[in-house]
Amino acid sequence: MEDAAVGRSTLRAKGQLTLPAKVREALKVHGGDEIEFKVLASGAVVMRGLKMIPADQAWFWTESWQRGEREASADLEAGRVETFTDSESFLDFIGVDEK
């Protein structure tokens, strides 16, 4: 995406402002979503749209789980996979004794 001026907004007395539509689109946010602000040393402010995640699904978005997802995807793309036709051969592969 190319840098572009997309409009202006006036800060209201209570610190509120309306984000221009193109900014909301760029952040991929809608009503009720959160926006994170980061102030850089230069004084510039970076905004990032955040989506709420249901508490029972938060584990999936932890850095360690996402790292595992990236590793699994890389393994799949590189063909580093094993396929099993039955549970016995899978259990034998992972070293589980069925007894």
N, C-alpha and C. Protein backbone atom coordinates (compact mmCIF):
# COMPACT_ATOMS: atom_id res chain seq x y z
N MET A 1 0.84 -1.18 0.00
CA MET A 1 0.00 0.00 0.00
C MET A 1 0.88 1.24 0.00
N GLU A 2 0.57 2.16 -0.83
CA GLU A 2 1.32 3.40 -0.95
C GLU A 2 0.89 4.39 0.12
N ASP A 3 1.83 5.22 0.61
CA ASP A 3 1.47 6.27 1.57
C ASP A 3 0.51 7.24 0.90
N ALA A 4 -0.51 7.65 1.66
CA ALA A 4 -1.49 8.58 1.09
C ALA A 4 -2.20 9.33 2.20
N ALA A 5 -2.49 10.59 1.97
CA ALA A 5 -3.34 11.35 2.88
C ALA A 5 -4.78 10.92 2.60
N VAL A 6 -5.51 10.59 3.65
CA VAL A 6 -6.86 10.06 3.43
C VAL A 6 -7.95 10.91 4.08
N GLY A 7 -7.59 12.05 4.61
CA GLY A 7 -8.60 12.91 5.20
C GLY A 7 -8.15 13.43 6.55
N ARG A 8 -9.06 14.14 7.19
CA ARG A 8 -8.78 14.74 8.49
C ARG A 8 -9.96 14.46 9.41
N SER A 9 -9.67 14.60 10.70
CA SER A 9 -10.72 14.46 11.71
C SER A 9 -10.44 15.47 12.80
N THR A 10 -11.48 16.02 13.39
CA THR A 10 -11.32 17.02 14.44
C THR A 10 -11.48 16.34 15.80
N LEU A 11 -10.51 16.57 16.68
CA LEU A 11 -10.56 16.03 18.03
C LEU A 11 -11.59 16.80 18.84
N ARG A 12 -12.54 16.06 19.44
CA ARG A 12 -13.58 16.69 20.24
C ARG A 12 -13.08 16.90 21.68
N ALA A 13 -13.82 17.65 22.43
CA ALA A 13 -13.42 18.06 23.79
C ALA A 13 -13.06 16.89 24.70
N LYS A 14 -13.73 15.76 24.57
CA LYS A 14 -13.47 14.61 25.44
C LYS A 14 -12.44 13.66 24.84
N GLY A 15 -11.68 14.12 23.87
CA GLY A 15 -10.64 13.30 23.27
C GLY A 15 -11.13 12.32 22.22
N GLN A 16 -12.34 12.47 21.75
CA GLN A 16 -12.90 11.56 20.75
C GLN A 16 -12.70 12.12 19.35
N LEU A 17 -12.58 11.19 18.40
CA LEU A 17 -12.54 11.59 17.00
C LEU A 17 -13.13 10.48 16.16
N THR A 18 -13.52 10.82 14.95
CA THR A 18 -14.04 9.85 14.01
C THR A 18 -12.96 9.54 13.00
N LEU A 19 -12.65 8.25 12.83
CA LEU A 19 -11.64 7.85 11.84
C LEU A 19 -12.25 7.89 10.45
N PRO A 20 -11.57 8.49 9.49
CA PRO A 20 -12.07 8.47 8.11
C PRO A 20 -12.26 7.03 7.63
N ALA A 21 -13.20 6.83 6.74
CA ALA A 21 -13.52 5.49 6.24
C ALA A 21 -12.29 4.77 5.69
N LYS A 22 -11.43 5.47 4.96
CA LYS A 22 -10.24 4.82 4.39
C LYS A 22 -9.28 4.36 5.48
N VAL A 23 -9.23 5.06 6.60
CA VAL A 23 -8.38 4.64 7.72
C VAL A 23 -8.98 3.38 8.35
N ARG A 24 -10.30 3.37 8.56
CA ARG A 24 -10.96 2.17 9.11
C ARG A 24 -10.75 0.98 8.20
N GLU A 25 -10.83 1.20 6.90
CA GLU A 25 -10.61 0.10 5.94
C GLU A 25 -9.17 -0.41 6.03
N ALA A 26 -8.21 0.51 6.11
CA ALA A 26 -6.79 0.12 6.17
C ALA A 26 -6.50 -0.66 7.46
N LEU A 27 -7.16 -0.27 8.56
CA LEU A 27 -6.97 -0.95 9.84
C LEU A 27 -7.79 -2.24 9.94
N LYS A 28 -8.75 -2.39 9.00
CA LYS A 28 -9.67 -3.54 9.01
C LYS A 28 -10.46 -3.60 10.31
N VAL A 29 -10.97 -2.44 10.74
CA VAL A 29 -11.75 -2.37 11.97
C VAL A 29 -13.18 -1.94 11.70
N HIS A 30 -14.04 -2.35 12.63
CA HIS A 30 -15.45 -1.99 12.58
C HIS A 30 -15.86 -1.58 13.99
N GLY A 31 -17.08 -1.09 14.14
CA GLY A 31 -17.57 -0.68 15.44
C GLY A 31 -17.35 -1.76 16.50
N GLY A 32 -16.81 -1.37 17.64
CA GLY A 32 -16.56 -2.31 18.73
C GLY A 32 -15.15 -2.88 18.73
N ASP A 33 -14.42 -2.78 17.63
CA ASP A 33 -13.03 -3.26 17.59
C ASP A 33 -12.14 -2.29 18.35
N GLU A 34 -11.00 -2.78 18.79
CA GLU A 34 -10.04 -1.93 19.48
C GLU A 34 -8.95 -1.47 18.52
N ILE A 35 -8.33 -0.35 18.88
CA ILE A 35 -7.21 0.18 18.10
C ILE A 35 -6.06 0.42 19.07
N GLU A 36 -4.89 -0.09 18.70
CA GLU A 36 -3.69 0.09 19.52
C GLU A 36 -2.87 1.23 18.93
N PHE A 37 -2.30 2.06 19.81
CA PHE A 37 -1.47 3.19 19.38
C PHE A 37 -0.05 2.98 19.89
N LYS A 38 0.92 3.27 19.04
CA LYS A 38 2.33 3.20 19.43
C LYS A 38 2.97 4.52 19.02
N VAL A 39 3.60 5.19 20.00
CA VAL A 39 4.27 6.46 19.72
C VAL A 39 5.74 6.16 19.46
N LEU A 40 6.22 6.52 18.28
CA LEU A 40 7.61 6.29 17.90
C LEU A 40 8.50 7.41 18.43
N ALA A 41 9.79 7.16 18.49
CA ALA A 41 10.74 8.17 18.98
C ALA A 41 10.67 9.45 18.15
N SER A 42 10.32 9.31 16.88
CA SER A 42 10.22 10.47 15.99
C SER A 42 9.01 11.34 16.29
N GLY A 43 8.09 10.81 17.12
CA GLY A 43 6.85 11.53 17.40
C GLY A 43 5.69 11.05 16.55
N ALA A 44 5.98 10.25 15.52
CA ALA A 44 4.91 9.68 14.70
C ALA A 44 4.14 8.66 15.53
N VAL A 45 2.87 8.50 15.21
CA VAL A 45 2.02 7.54 15.92
C VAL A 45 1.58 6.46 14.94
N VAL A 46 1.76 5.21 15.34
CA VAL A 46 1.34 4.08 14.52
C VAL A 46 0.08 3.49 15.14
N MET A 47 -0.93 3.26 14.33
CA MET A 47 -2.18 2.67 14.80
C MET A 47 -2.30 1.27 14.24
N ARG A 48 -2.85 0.36 15.05
CA ARG A 48 -3.05 -1.01 14.59
C ARG A 48 -4.42 -1.47 15.08
N GLY A 49 -5.22 -1.99 14.16
CA GLY A 49 -6.53 -2.51 14.52
C GLY A 49 -6.41 -3.85 15.22
N LEU A 50 -7.23 -4.04 16.24
CA LEU A 50 -7.23 -5.29 16.99
C LEU A 50 -8.62 -5.90 16.95
N LYS A 51 -8.70 -7.21 16.87
CA LYS A 51 -9.96 -7.93 16.92
C LYS A 51 -10.06 -8.65 18.26
N MET A 52 -11.22 -8.71 18.80
CA MET A 52 -11.44 -9.43 20.05
C MET A 52 -11.44 -10.93 19.74
N ILE A 53 -10.83 -11.70 20.64
CA ILE A 53 -10.77 -13.15 20.48
C ILE A 53 -11.55 -13.77 21.64
N PRO A 54 -12.46 -14.70 21.37
CA PRO A 54 -13.16 -15.37 22.47
C PRO A 54 -12.15 -16.02 23.41
N ALA A 55 -12.38 -15.91 24.72
CA ALA A 55 -11.44 -16.42 25.72
C ALA A 55 -11.10 -17.89 25.51
N ASP A 56 -12.07 -18.69 25.08
CA ASP A 56 -11.80 -20.12 24.91
C ASP A 56 -10.99 -20.43 23.65
N GLN A 57 -10.67 -19.40 22.86
CA GLN A 57 -9.84 -19.60 21.67
C GLN A 57 -8.52 -18.84 21.76
N ALA A 58 -8.25 -18.19 22.88
CA ALA A 58 -7.04 -17.37 23.03
C ALA A 58 -5.77 -18.20 22.91
N TRP A 59 -5.80 -19.47 23.35
CA TRP A 59 -4.61 -20.33 23.28
C TRP A 59 -4.06 -20.41 21.86
N PHE A 60 -4.95 -20.39 20.87
CA PHE A 60 -4.53 -20.54 19.48
C PHE A 60 -3.68 -19.36 19.03
N TRP A 61 -3.87 -18.20 19.64
CA TRP A 61 -3.19 -16.99 19.20
C TRP A 61 -1.96 -16.65 20.03
N THR A 62 -1.56 -17.56 20.94
CA THR A 62 -0.32 -17.32 21.68
C THR A 62 0.86 -17.44 20.73
N GLU A 63 1.95 -16.75 21.04
CA GLU A 63 3.12 -16.78 20.16
C GLU A 63 3.65 -18.20 19.99
N SER A 64 3.68 -18.98 21.07
CA SER A 64 4.21 -20.35 20.96
C SER A 64 3.33 -21.21 20.05
N TRP A 65 2.01 -21.07 20.14
CA TRP A 65 1.13 -21.87 19.27
C TRP A 65 1.27 -21.41 17.82
N GLN A 66 1.32 -20.11 17.59
CA GLN A 66 1.46 -19.61 16.23
C GLN A 66 2.80 -20.02 15.62
N ARG A 67 3.86 -20.07 16.44
CA ARG A 67 5.16 -20.55 15.96
C ARG A 67 5.03 -22.00 15.49
N GLY A 68 4.32 -22.81 16.27
CA GLY A 68 4.08 -24.20 15.87
C GLY A 68 3.28 -24.31 14.59
N GLU A 69 2.29 -23.43 14.44
CA GLU A 69 1.48 -23.41 13.21
C GLU A 69 2.36 -23.08 12.00
N ARG A 70 3.26 -22.10 12.17
CA ARG A 70 4.16 -21.73 11.06
C ARG A 70 5.10 -22.89 10.72
N GLU A 71 5.62 -23.57 11.76
CA GLU A 71 6.51 -24.73 11.53
C GLU A 71 5.76 -25.85 10.82
N ALA A 72 4.53 -26.12 11.25
CA ALA A 72 3.73 -27.18 10.62
C ALA A 72 3.45 -26.84 9.16
N SER A 73 3.12 -25.58 8.89
CA SER A 73 2.86 -25.17 7.50
C SER A 73 4.11 -25.32 6.64
N ALA A 74 5.27 -24.96 7.20
CA ALA A 74 6.54 -25.11 6.46
C ALA A 74 6.82 -26.58 6.19
N ASP A 75 6.57 -27.44 7.17
CA ASP A 75 6.77 -28.87 6.98
C ASP A 75 5.86 -29.41 5.88
N LEU A 76 4.61 -29.00 5.89
CA LEU A 76 3.67 -29.44 4.85
C LEU A 76 4.13 -28.99 3.47
N GLU A 77 4.52 -27.72 3.36
CA GLU A 77 4.97 -27.19 2.07
C GLU A 77 6.22 -27.90 1.56
N ALA A 78 7.11 -28.30 2.49
CA ALA A 78 8.36 -28.97 2.11
C ALA A 78 8.18 -30.47 1.93
N GLY A 79 6.98 -30.97 2.19
CA GLY A 79 6.75 -32.41 2.03
C GLY A 79 7.27 -33.25 3.19
N ARG A 80 7.58 -32.62 4.32
CA ARG A 80 8.06 -33.36 5.49
C ARG A 80 6.85 -33.87 6.29
N VAL A 81 6.20 -34.87 5.75
CA VAL A 81 5.00 -35.44 6.39
C VAL A 81 5.05 -36.96 6.32
N GLU A 82 4.32 -37.58 7.21
CA GLU A 82 4.14 -39.03 7.20
C GLU A 82 2.64 -39.29 7.07
N THR A 83 2.28 -40.29 6.28
CA THR A 83 0.88 -40.65 6.11
C THR A 83 0.70 -42.09 6.56
N PHE A 84 -0.38 -42.33 7.29
CA PHE A 84 -0.64 -43.66 7.83
C PHE A 84 -2.00 -44.14 7.36
N THR A 85 -2.09 -45.40 7.02
CA THR A 85 -3.34 -45.97 6.54
C THR A 85 -4.18 -46.56 7.67
N ASP A 86 -3.55 -46.77 8.84
CA ASP A 86 -4.31 -47.31 9.96
C ASP A 86 -3.67 -46.85 11.28
N SER A 87 -4.42 -46.98 12.36
CA SER A 87 -3.95 -46.49 13.66
C SER A 87 -2.76 -47.28 14.17
N GLU A 88 -2.70 -48.58 13.84
CA GLU A 88 -1.58 -49.40 14.32
C GLU A 88 -0.25 -48.90 13.79
N SER A 89 -0.19 -48.58 12.51
CA SER A 89 1.07 -48.11 11.93
C SER A 89 1.44 -46.73 12.49
N PHE A 90 0.44 -45.89 12.78
CA PHE A 90 0.71 -44.59 13.40
C PHE A 90 1.28 -44.78 14.81
N LEU A 91 0.63 -45.62 15.60
CA LEU A 91 1.09 -45.85 16.97
C LEU A 91 2.48 -46.47 16.99
N ASP A 92 2.76 -47.35 16.04
CA ASP A 92 4.10 -47.95 15.93
C ASP A 92 5.13 -46.85 15.60
N PHE A 93 4.77 -45.93 14.70
CA PHE A 93 5.66 -44.86 14.31
C PHE A 93 6.05 -43.96 15.49
N ILE A 94 5.06 -43.66 16.35
CA ILE A 94 5.35 -42.79 17.48
C ILE A 94 5.83 -43.56 18.72
N GLY A 95 5.91 -44.89 18.59
CA GLY A 95 6.49 -45.71 19.65
C GLY A 95 5.56 -46.04 20.79
N VAL A 96 4.29 -46.12 20.50
CA VAL A 96 3.31 -46.48 21.54
C VAL A 96 3.00 -47.97 21.44
N ASP A 97 3.12 -48.63 22.56
CA ASP A 97 2.79 -50.06 22.61
C ASP A 97 1.28 -50.17 22.85
N GLU A 98 0.57 -50.87 21.97
CA GLU A 98 -0.89 -50.96 22.05
C GLU A 98 -1.39 -51.86 23.18
N LYS A 99 -0.52 -52.57 23.86
CA LYS A 99 -0.95 -53.53 24.89
C LYS A 99 -1.54 -52.86 26.07
